[in-house]
């Protein structure tokens, strides 16, 4: 297994993985991933084995301290000089869950964010996942203003 950043050649694989992991209202589509791969490939991490994408973590860097719904589909909001690494999605192929793959990628994203001198990482998650992300040092800031996909989200922050 290897961890690497995504390339445009991964477009079909990451789009399929997203569709397998999230409800249609929450899943990013091909056009969104195409824009993300063009704008912030260095913040789009994959866990790959034998050419198959098993898990991914992706998100932009920004000056804004809070994750907003606009960020999901507007890759132009990426600002590599910003202090905050946003995490839009953490996804593991359904056949590969409960093997620690997501955790491996999250630890990698945290390490990369620290090495880049950023202030930290921000993500939103459903309430049932708050304890999971807390294991990595993320702190819940309570309900998020996000209404992405019509779901209730909690914002979590990890200062590095």
N, C-alpha and C. Protein backbone atom coordinates (compact mmCIF):
# COMPACT_ATOMS: atom_id res chain seq x y z
N UNK A 1 0.84 -1.19 0.00
CA UNK A 1 0.00 0.00 0.00
C UNK A 1 0.87 1.24 0.00
N UNK A 2 0.38 2.26 -0.68
CA UNK A 2 1.10 3.52 -0.69
C UNK A 2 0.13 4.68 -0.49
N UNK A 3 0.65 5.75 0.09
CA UNK A 3 -0.09 7.00 0.18
C UNK A 3 0.53 7.94 -0.83
N UNK A 4 -0.33 8.54 -1.64
CA UNK A 4 0.16 9.50 -2.63
C UNK A 4 -0.91 10.56 -2.85
N UNK A 5 -0.52 11.64 -3.50
CA UNK A 5 -1.50 12.66 -3.86
C UNK A 5 -2.17 12.24 -5.16
N UNK A 6 -3.38 12.72 -5.34
CA UNK A 6 -4.17 12.38 -6.52
C UNK A 6 -3.71 13.15 -7.74
N UNK A 7 -4.01 12.60 -8.89
CA UNK A 7 -3.72 13.24 -10.18
C UNK A 7 -5.01 13.24 -11.01
N UNK A 8 -5.04 13.99 -12.10
CA UNK A 8 -6.23 13.96 -12.96
C UNK A 8 -6.58 12.55 -13.44
N UNK A 9 -5.60 11.68 -13.55
CA UNK A 9 -5.86 10.30 -13.98
C UNK A 9 -6.71 9.53 -12.96
N UNK A 10 -6.81 10.04 -11.73
CA UNK A 10 -7.59 9.39 -10.68
C UNK A 10 -9.05 9.82 -10.67
N UNK A 11 -9.45 10.69 -11.59
CA UNK A 11 -10.79 11.27 -11.56
C UNK A 11 -11.90 10.22 -11.48
N UNK A 12 -11.89 9.24 -12.34
CA UNK A 12 -12.95 8.23 -12.33
C UNK A 12 -12.96 7.44 -11.02
N UNK A 13 -11.78 7.10 -10.51
CA UNK A 13 -11.69 6.31 -9.29
C UNK A 13 -12.20 7.08 -8.07
N UNK A 14 -11.83 8.36 -7.95
CA UNK A 14 -12.27 9.11 -6.77
C UNK A 14 -13.76 9.44 -6.85
N UNK A 15 -14.26 9.67 -8.06
CA UNK A 15 -15.69 9.92 -8.22
C UNK A 15 -16.49 8.67 -7.84
N UNK A 16 -16.03 7.51 -8.28
CA UNK A 16 -16.71 6.25 -7.94
C UNK A 16 -16.64 5.96 -6.45
N UNK A 17 -15.48 6.21 -5.84
CA UNK A 17 -15.34 5.98 -4.40
C UNK A 17 -16.29 6.89 -3.62
N UNK A 18 -16.37 8.14 -4.00
CA UNK A 18 -17.27 9.08 -3.33
C UNK A 18 -18.72 8.59 -3.43
N UNK A 19 -19.12 8.16 -4.62
CA UNK A 19 -20.49 7.69 -4.83
C UNK A 19 -20.79 6.45 -4.00
N UNK A 20 -19.78 5.62 -3.77
CA UNK A 20 -19.96 4.40 -2.97
C UNK A 20 -20.03 4.69 -1.48
N UNK A 21 -19.54 5.86 -1.06
CA UNK A 21 -19.41 6.15 0.37
C UNK A 21 -20.42 7.16 0.92
N UNK A 22 -21.01 7.98 0.06
CA UNK A 22 -21.89 9.04 0.54
C UNK A 22 -23.23 9.00 -0.17
N UNK A 23 -24.29 9.43 0.51
CA UNK A 23 -25.60 9.53 -0.14
C UNK A 23 -25.50 10.52 -1.33
N UNK A 24 -26.32 10.35 -2.35
CA UNK A 24 -26.25 11.22 -3.52
C UNK A 24 -26.30 12.72 -3.20
N UNK A 25 -27.08 13.13 -2.21
CA UNK A 25 -27.18 14.55 -1.88
C UNK A 25 -25.90 15.12 -1.29
N UNK A 26 -25.05 14.24 -0.74
CA UNK A 26 -23.81 14.68 -0.10
C UNK A 26 -22.57 14.43 -0.95
N UNK A 27 -22.65 13.53 -1.90
CA UNK A 27 -21.49 13.13 -2.69
C UNK A 27 -21.11 14.19 -3.71
N UNK A 28 -19.82 14.47 -3.81
CA UNK A 28 -19.32 15.36 -4.85
C UNK A 28 -19.36 14.62 -6.18
N UNK A 29 -19.62 15.36 -7.24
CA UNK A 29 -19.68 14.76 -8.56
C UNK A 29 -18.37 14.91 -9.31
N UNK A 30 -18.37 14.37 -10.52
CA UNK A 30 -17.16 14.37 -11.33
C UNK A 30 -16.63 15.78 -11.60
N UNK A 31 -17.52 16.73 -11.91
CA UNK A 31 -17.07 18.09 -12.20
C UNK A 31 -16.39 18.72 -10.98
N UNK A 32 -16.94 18.47 -9.81
CA UNK A 32 -16.35 18.99 -8.58
C UNK A 32 -14.96 18.39 -8.35
N UNK A 33 -14.85 17.08 -8.54
CA UNK A 33 -13.54 16.44 -8.35
C UNK A 33 -12.54 16.90 -9.40
N UNK A 34 -12.99 17.12 -10.61
CA UNK A 34 -12.08 17.61 -11.65
C UNK A 34 -11.50 18.96 -11.24
N UNK A 35 -12.35 19.84 -10.71
CA UNK A 35 -11.89 21.15 -10.26
C UNK A 35 -10.95 21.03 -9.06
N UNK A 36 -11.27 20.15 -8.13
CA UNK A 36 -10.42 19.95 -6.96
C UNK A 36 -9.05 19.42 -7.35
N UNK A 37 -9.04 18.45 -8.25
CA UNK A 37 -7.76 17.87 -8.69
C UNK A 37 -6.89 18.91 -9.38
N UNK A 38 -7.51 19.84 -10.08
CA UNK A 38 -6.76 20.90 -10.75
C UNK A 38 -6.26 21.95 -9.76
N UNK A 39 -7.08 22.27 -8.75
CA UNK A 39 -6.77 23.38 -7.84
C UNK A 39 -5.89 22.99 -6.66
N UNK A 40 -6.13 21.82 -6.08
CA UNK A 40 -5.38 21.47 -4.87
C UNK A 40 -5.00 19.99 -4.80
N UNK A 41 -4.26 19.51 -5.80
CA UNK A 41 -3.86 18.10 -5.78
C UNK A 41 -2.96 17.74 -4.59
N UNK A 42 -2.23 18.73 -4.06
CA UNK A 42 -1.34 18.45 -2.93
C UNK A 42 -2.11 18.29 -1.61
N UNK A 43 -3.41 18.56 -1.64
CA UNK A 43 -4.27 18.35 -0.47
C UNK A 43 -5.34 17.31 -0.77
N UNK A 44 -4.99 16.37 -1.62
CA UNK A 44 -5.91 15.31 -2.04
C UNK A 44 -5.14 14.01 -1.95
N UNK A 45 -5.27 13.34 -0.80
CA UNK A 45 -4.46 12.17 -0.50
C UNK A 45 -5.22 10.87 -0.76
N UNK A 46 -4.51 9.91 -1.32
CA UNK A 46 -5.10 8.61 -1.63
C UNK A 46 -4.29 7.49 -0.96
N UNK A 47 -4.99 6.45 -0.56
CA UNK A 47 -4.36 5.21 -0.13
C UNK A 47 -4.64 4.21 -1.25
N UNK A 48 -3.57 3.74 -1.87
CA UNK A 48 -3.68 2.92 -3.08
C UNK A 48 -2.96 1.59 -2.88
N UNK A 49 -3.56 0.53 -3.41
CA UNK A 49 -2.92 -0.77 -3.41
C UNK A 49 -3.18 -1.43 -4.75
N UNK A 50 -2.13 -1.83 -5.42
CA UNK A 50 -2.27 -2.48 -6.72
C UNK A 50 -3.01 -1.64 -7.73
N UNK A 51 -2.85 -0.33 -7.66
CA UNK A 51 -3.52 0.57 -8.58
C UNK A 51 -4.96 0.89 -8.21
N UNK A 52 -5.48 0.29 -7.15
CA UNK A 52 -6.86 0.52 -6.72
C UNK A 52 -6.89 1.52 -5.57
N UNK A 53 -7.73 2.56 -5.72
CA UNK A 53 -7.89 3.56 -4.67
C UNK A 53 -8.80 2.97 -3.60
N UNK A 54 -8.24 2.78 -2.40
CA UNK A 54 -8.98 2.18 -1.29
C UNK A 54 -9.60 3.22 -0.38
N UNK A 55 -8.94 4.39 -0.27
CA UNK A 55 -9.42 5.44 0.63
C UNK A 55 -8.89 6.78 0.16
N UNK A 56 -9.58 7.85 0.57
CA UNK A 56 -9.14 9.19 0.21
C UNK A 56 -9.54 10.20 1.28
N UNK A 57 -8.74 11.26 1.35
CA UNK A 57 -9.00 12.43 2.19
C UNK A 57 -8.67 13.62 1.31
N UNK A 58 -9.60 14.59 1.23
CA UNK A 58 -9.32 15.75 0.38
C UNK A 58 -9.97 17.00 0.94
N UNK A 59 -9.39 18.14 0.57
CA UNK A 59 -9.93 19.44 0.96
C UNK A 59 -8.97 20.56 0.62
N UNK A 60 -9.50 21.75 0.55
CA UNK A 60 -8.69 22.92 0.18
C UNK A 60 -8.03 23.58 1.38
N UNK A 61 -7.12 24.48 1.09
CA UNK A 61 -6.51 25.34 2.09
C UNK A 61 -7.13 26.72 1.90
N UNK A 62 -7.39 27.41 3.01
CA UNK A 62 -8.08 28.69 2.93
C UNK A 62 -7.70 29.61 4.08
N UNK A 63 -7.98 30.88 3.88
CA UNK A 63 -7.82 31.87 4.95
C UNK A 63 -8.98 31.80 5.93
N UNK A 64 -10.12 31.29 5.48
CA UNK A 64 -11.33 31.25 6.30
C UNK A 64 -11.20 30.19 7.39
N UNK A 65 -11.56 30.52 8.63
CA UNK A 65 -11.39 29.57 9.71
C UNK A 65 -12.49 28.50 9.79
N UNK A 66 -13.61 28.71 9.11
CA UNK A 66 -14.72 27.76 9.17
C UNK A 66 -15.02 27.19 7.80
N UNK A 67 -15.40 25.92 7.79
CA UNK A 67 -15.75 25.25 6.55
C UNK A 67 -17.16 25.67 6.14
N UNK A 68 -17.29 26.18 4.91
CA UNK A 68 -18.59 26.63 4.42
C UNK A 68 -19.04 25.74 3.25
N UNK A 69 -20.32 25.70 3.02
CA UNK A 69 -20.87 24.90 1.93
C UNK A 69 -20.33 25.35 0.58
N UNK A 70 -20.06 26.64 0.42
CA UNK A 70 -19.55 27.15 -0.86
C UNK A 70 -18.23 26.52 -1.25
N UNK A 71 -17.44 26.13 -0.27
CA UNK A 71 -16.11 25.56 -0.54
C UNK A 71 -16.17 24.24 -1.29
N UNK A 72 -17.22 23.45 -1.07
CA UNK A 72 -17.30 22.13 -1.68
C UNK A 72 -17.26 22.17 -3.20
N UNK A 73 -17.90 23.17 -3.78
CA UNK A 73 -18.00 23.22 -5.24
C UNK A 73 -17.31 24.40 -5.89
N UNK A 74 -16.56 25.17 -5.12
CA UNK A 74 -15.85 26.32 -5.69
C UNK A 74 -14.37 26.21 -5.36
N UNK A 75 -13.67 25.48 -6.19
CA UNK A 75 -12.24 25.24 -5.96
C UNK A 75 -11.42 26.53 -6.05
N UNK A 76 -11.98 27.59 -6.63
CA UNK A 76 -11.25 28.85 -6.72
C UNK A 76 -11.07 29.49 -5.34
N UNK A 77 -11.78 29.01 -4.34
CA UNK A 77 -11.62 29.53 -2.98
C UNK A 77 -10.35 28.99 -2.31
N UNK A 78 -9.69 28.04 -2.96
CA UNK A 78 -8.43 27.50 -2.44
C UNK A 78 -7.36 28.60 -2.43
N UNK A 79 -6.72 28.76 -1.29
CA UNK A 79 -5.63 29.73 -1.13
C UNK A 79 -4.47 29.02 -0.45
N UNK A 80 -3.46 28.60 -1.23
CA UNK A 80 -2.38 27.82 -0.65
C UNK A 80 -1.64 28.53 0.48
N UNK A 81 -1.75 29.84 0.57
CA UNK A 81 -1.10 30.59 1.64
C UNK A 81 -1.95 30.62 2.92
N UNK A 82 -3.16 30.12 2.84
CA UNK A 82 -4.06 30.15 4.00
C UNK A 82 -3.58 29.28 5.13
N UNK A 83 -4.05 29.55 6.35
CA UNK A 83 -3.61 28.78 7.51
C UNK A 83 -4.43 27.53 7.80
N UNK A 84 -5.58 27.36 7.13
CA UNK A 84 -6.48 26.26 7.49
C UNK A 84 -6.63 25.24 6.38
N UNK A 85 -6.33 24.00 6.71
CA UNK A 85 -6.55 22.88 5.81
C UNK A 85 -7.96 22.34 6.07
N UNK A 86 -8.84 22.54 5.11
CA UNK A 86 -10.20 22.00 5.22
C UNK A 86 -10.19 20.55 4.76
N UNK A 87 -11.02 19.75 5.38
CA UNK A 87 -11.20 18.36 4.97
C UNK A 87 -12.65 18.22 4.50
N UNK A 88 -12.83 18.00 3.21
CA UNK A 88 -14.17 17.86 2.64
C UNK A 88 -14.70 16.44 2.77
N UNK A 89 -13.81 15.50 2.67
CA UNK A 89 -14.27 14.12 2.70
C UNK A 89 -13.22 13.16 3.17
N UNK A 90 -13.67 12.18 3.93
CA UNK A 90 -12.85 11.05 4.36
C UNK A 90 -13.65 9.83 3.90
N UNK A 91 -13.09 9.08 2.97
CA UNK A 91 -13.85 7.97 2.40
C UNK A 91 -12.98 6.72 2.28
N UNK A 92 -13.56 5.59 2.67
CA UNK A 92 -12.91 4.29 2.52
C UNK A 92 -13.89 3.40 1.77
N UNK A 93 -13.38 2.69 0.77
CA UNK A 93 -14.24 1.80 0.00
C UNK A 93 -14.99 0.87 0.95
N UNK A 94 -16.29 0.67 0.74
CA UNK A 94 -17.07 -0.18 1.64
C UNK A 94 -16.49 -1.57 1.88
N UNK A 95 -15.80 -2.13 0.90
CA UNK A 95 -15.19 -3.45 1.06
C UNK A 95 -13.94 -3.43 1.93
N UNK A 96 -13.45 -2.23 2.26
CA UNK A 96 -12.17 -2.10 2.96
C UNK A 96 -12.29 -1.39 4.31
N UNK A 97 -13.48 -1.24 4.80
CA UNK A 97 -13.68 -0.52 6.06
C UNK A 97 -13.21 -1.34 7.26
N UNK A 98 -13.00 -0.64 8.36
CA UNK A 98 -12.58 -1.24 9.63
C UNK A 98 -11.19 -1.85 9.56
N UNK A 99 -10.35 -1.30 8.70
CA UNK A 99 -8.96 -1.76 8.59
C UNK A 99 -7.97 -0.65 8.94
N UNK A 100 -8.49 0.51 9.34
CA UNK A 100 -7.62 1.61 9.73
C UNK A 100 -7.15 2.49 8.57
N UNK A 101 -7.70 2.30 7.38
CA UNK A 101 -7.24 3.06 6.22
C UNK A 101 -7.55 4.55 6.35
N UNK A 102 -8.75 4.88 6.79
CA UNK A 102 -9.10 6.29 6.97
C UNK A 102 -8.19 6.94 8.00
N UNK A 103 -7.94 6.24 9.09
CA UNK A 103 -7.06 6.76 10.13
C UNK A 103 -5.64 6.98 9.63
N UNK A 104 -5.16 6.06 8.82
CA UNK A 104 -3.83 6.21 8.23
C UNK A 104 -3.75 7.48 7.39
N UNK A 105 -4.77 7.71 6.57
CA UNK A 105 -4.78 8.92 5.74
C UNK A 105 -4.96 10.19 6.56
N UNK A 106 -5.80 10.13 7.58
CA UNK A 106 -5.98 11.30 8.44
C UNK A 106 -4.67 11.67 9.14
N UNK A 107 -3.98 10.68 9.67
CA UNK A 107 -2.69 10.96 10.31
C UNK A 107 -1.71 11.56 9.30
N UNK A 108 -1.75 11.06 8.08
CA UNK A 108 -0.88 11.62 7.03
C UNK A 108 -1.25 13.07 6.74
N UNK A 109 -2.55 13.35 6.61
CA UNK A 109 -3.00 14.72 6.35
C UNK A 109 -2.60 15.66 7.50
N UNK A 110 -2.71 15.18 8.72
CA UNK A 110 -2.32 15.98 9.88
C UNK A 110 -0.81 16.27 9.83
N UNK A 111 -0.03 15.24 9.55
CA UNK A 111 1.42 15.40 9.46
C UNK A 111 1.79 16.39 8.35
N UNK A 112 1.17 16.26 7.19
CA UNK A 112 1.45 17.17 6.08
C UNK A 112 1.06 18.60 6.42
N UNK A 113 -0.08 18.77 7.08
CA UNK A 113 -0.54 20.10 7.46
C UNK A 113 0.44 20.74 8.43
N UNK A 114 0.91 19.97 9.38
CA UNK A 114 1.90 20.46 10.35
C UNK A 114 3.20 20.83 9.63
N UNK A 115 3.66 19.96 8.73
CA UNK A 115 4.92 20.19 8.01
C UNK A 115 4.84 21.44 7.12
N UNK A 116 3.66 21.77 6.66
CA UNK A 116 3.46 22.95 5.81
C UNK A 116 3.30 24.23 6.62
N UNK A 117 3.34 24.10 7.94
CA UNK A 117 3.27 25.27 8.80
C UNK A 117 1.89 25.89 8.92
N UNK A 118 0.87 25.11 8.71
CA UNK A 118 -0.51 25.60 8.81
C UNK A 118 -0.95 25.64 10.27
N UNK A 119 -2.04 26.36 10.53
CA UNK A 119 -2.58 26.46 11.88
C UNK A 119 -3.30 25.18 12.30
N UNK A 120 -3.91 24.51 11.31
CA UNK A 120 -4.61 23.29 11.64
C UNK A 120 -5.56 22.84 10.56
N UNK A 121 -6.40 21.88 10.93
CA UNK A 121 -7.36 21.27 10.02
C UNK A 121 -8.77 21.45 10.55
N UNK A 122 -9.72 21.58 9.63
CA UNK A 122 -11.13 21.73 9.99
C UNK A 122 -11.93 20.76 9.14
N UNK A 123 -12.89 20.09 9.77
CA UNK A 123 -13.80 19.22 9.04
C UNK A 123 -15.18 19.33 9.65
N UNK A 124 -16.16 18.85 8.91
CA UNK A 124 -17.49 18.70 9.47
C UNK A 124 -17.85 17.22 9.37
N UNK A 125 -18.64 16.77 10.33
CA UNK A 125 -19.05 15.38 10.35
C UNK A 125 -20.41 15.27 11.01
N UNK A 126 -21.01 14.13 10.84
CA UNK A 126 -22.28 13.86 11.52
C UNK A 126 -21.99 13.56 12.99
N UNK A 127 -22.98 13.80 13.83
CA UNK A 127 -22.79 13.69 15.28
C UNK A 127 -22.20 12.35 15.70
N UNK A 128 -22.60 11.26 15.05
CA UNK A 128 -22.12 9.94 15.46
C UNK A 128 -20.62 9.77 15.22
N UNK A 129 -20.02 10.62 14.36
CA UNK A 129 -18.59 10.51 14.08
C UNK A 129 -17.72 11.45 14.91
N UNK A 130 -18.32 12.29 15.73
CA UNK A 130 -17.55 13.21 16.57
C UNK A 130 -16.53 12.44 17.42
N UNK A 131 -16.90 11.34 18.10
CA UNK A 131 -15.90 10.61 18.90
C UNK A 131 -14.78 10.01 18.04
N UNK A 132 -15.09 9.59 16.83
CA UNK A 132 -14.06 9.04 15.95
C UNK A 132 -12.98 10.09 15.67
N UNK A 133 -13.39 11.27 15.24
CA UNK A 133 -12.41 12.31 14.91
C UNK A 133 -11.71 12.85 16.15
N UNK A 134 -12.38 12.79 17.29
CA UNK A 134 -11.75 13.22 18.55
C UNK A 134 -10.53 12.36 18.87
N UNK A 135 -10.53 11.10 18.43
CA UNK A 135 -9.38 10.22 18.66
C UNK A 135 -8.11 10.72 17.99
N UNK A 136 -8.26 11.55 16.97
CA UNK A 136 -7.11 12.09 16.25
C UNK A 136 -6.73 13.48 16.77
N UNK A 137 -7.46 13.97 17.76
CA UNK A 137 -7.17 15.27 18.34
C UNK A 137 -8.11 16.38 17.90
N UNK A 138 -9.06 16.09 17.04
CA UNK A 138 -10.04 17.09 16.63
C UNK A 138 -10.96 17.41 17.80
N UNK A 139 -11.31 18.68 17.93
CA UNK A 139 -12.19 19.13 19.00
C UNK A 139 -13.49 19.64 18.38
N UNK A 140 -14.60 19.17 18.91
CA UNK A 140 -15.90 19.60 18.39
C UNK A 140 -16.16 21.05 18.77
N UNK A 141 -16.60 21.82 17.79
CA UNK A 141 -17.00 23.21 18.03
C UNK A 141 -18.52 23.34 17.99
N UNK A 142 -19.20 22.20 18.02
CA UNK A 142 -20.65 22.19 18.03
C UNK A 142 -21.24 22.16 16.63
N UNK A 143 -22.55 22.36 16.54
CA UNK A 143 -23.22 22.32 15.25
C UNK A 143 -22.61 23.33 14.27
N UNK A 144 -22.47 22.88 13.04
CA UNK A 144 -21.93 23.72 11.97
C UNK A 144 -23.07 24.46 11.29
N UNK A 145 -22.73 25.56 10.65
CA UNK A 145 -23.71 26.29 9.85
C UNK A 145 -23.99 25.55 8.54
N UNK A 146 -23.17 24.57 8.23
CA UNK A 146 -23.32 23.81 6.98
C UNK A 146 -24.67 23.12 6.91
N UNK A 147 -25.24 23.16 5.72
CA UNK A 147 -26.47 22.41 5.44
C UNK A 147 -26.23 21.51 4.24
N UNK A 148 -24.97 21.16 4.01
CA UNK A 148 -24.56 20.34 2.87
C UNK A 148 -25.38 19.06 2.79
N UNK A 149 -26.01 18.85 1.66
CA UNK A 149 -26.79 17.63 1.46
C UNK A 149 -28.01 17.52 2.34
N UNK A 150 -28.39 18.61 3.01
CA UNK A 150 -29.56 18.59 3.87
C UNK A 150 -29.34 17.89 5.20
N UNK A 151 -28.10 17.63 5.56
CA UNK A 151 -27.79 16.91 6.81
C UNK A 151 -27.37 17.89 7.91
N UNK A 152 -27.39 17.39 9.15
CA UNK A 152 -26.90 18.16 10.30
C UNK A 152 -25.43 17.82 10.49
N UNK A 153 -24.58 18.84 10.59
CA UNK A 153 -23.14 18.65 10.67
C UNK A 153 -22.58 19.30 11.92
N UNK A 154 -21.46 18.75 12.39
CA UNK A 154 -20.71 19.31 13.51
C UNK A 154 -19.34 19.69 13.00
N UNK A 155 -18.89 20.89 13.36
CA UNK A 155 -17.56 21.32 12.94
C UNK A 155 -16.54 20.89 13.98
N UNK A 156 -15.41 20.36 13.47
CA UNK A 156 -14.33 19.92 14.33
C UNK A 156 -13.03 20.54 13.86
N UNK A 157 -12.17 20.89 14.81
CA UNK A 157 -10.92 21.56 14.51
C UNK A 157 -9.77 20.90 15.24
N UNK A 158 -8.65 20.79 14.54
CA UNK A 158 -7.41 20.29 15.13
C UNK A 158 -6.35 21.34 14.87
N UNK A 159 -5.84 21.93 15.92
CA UNK A 159 -4.73 22.89 15.78
C UNK A 159 -3.44 22.09 15.84
N UNK A 160 -2.54 22.38 14.87
CA UNK A 160 -1.30 21.58 14.81
C UNK A 160 -0.10 22.36 15.24
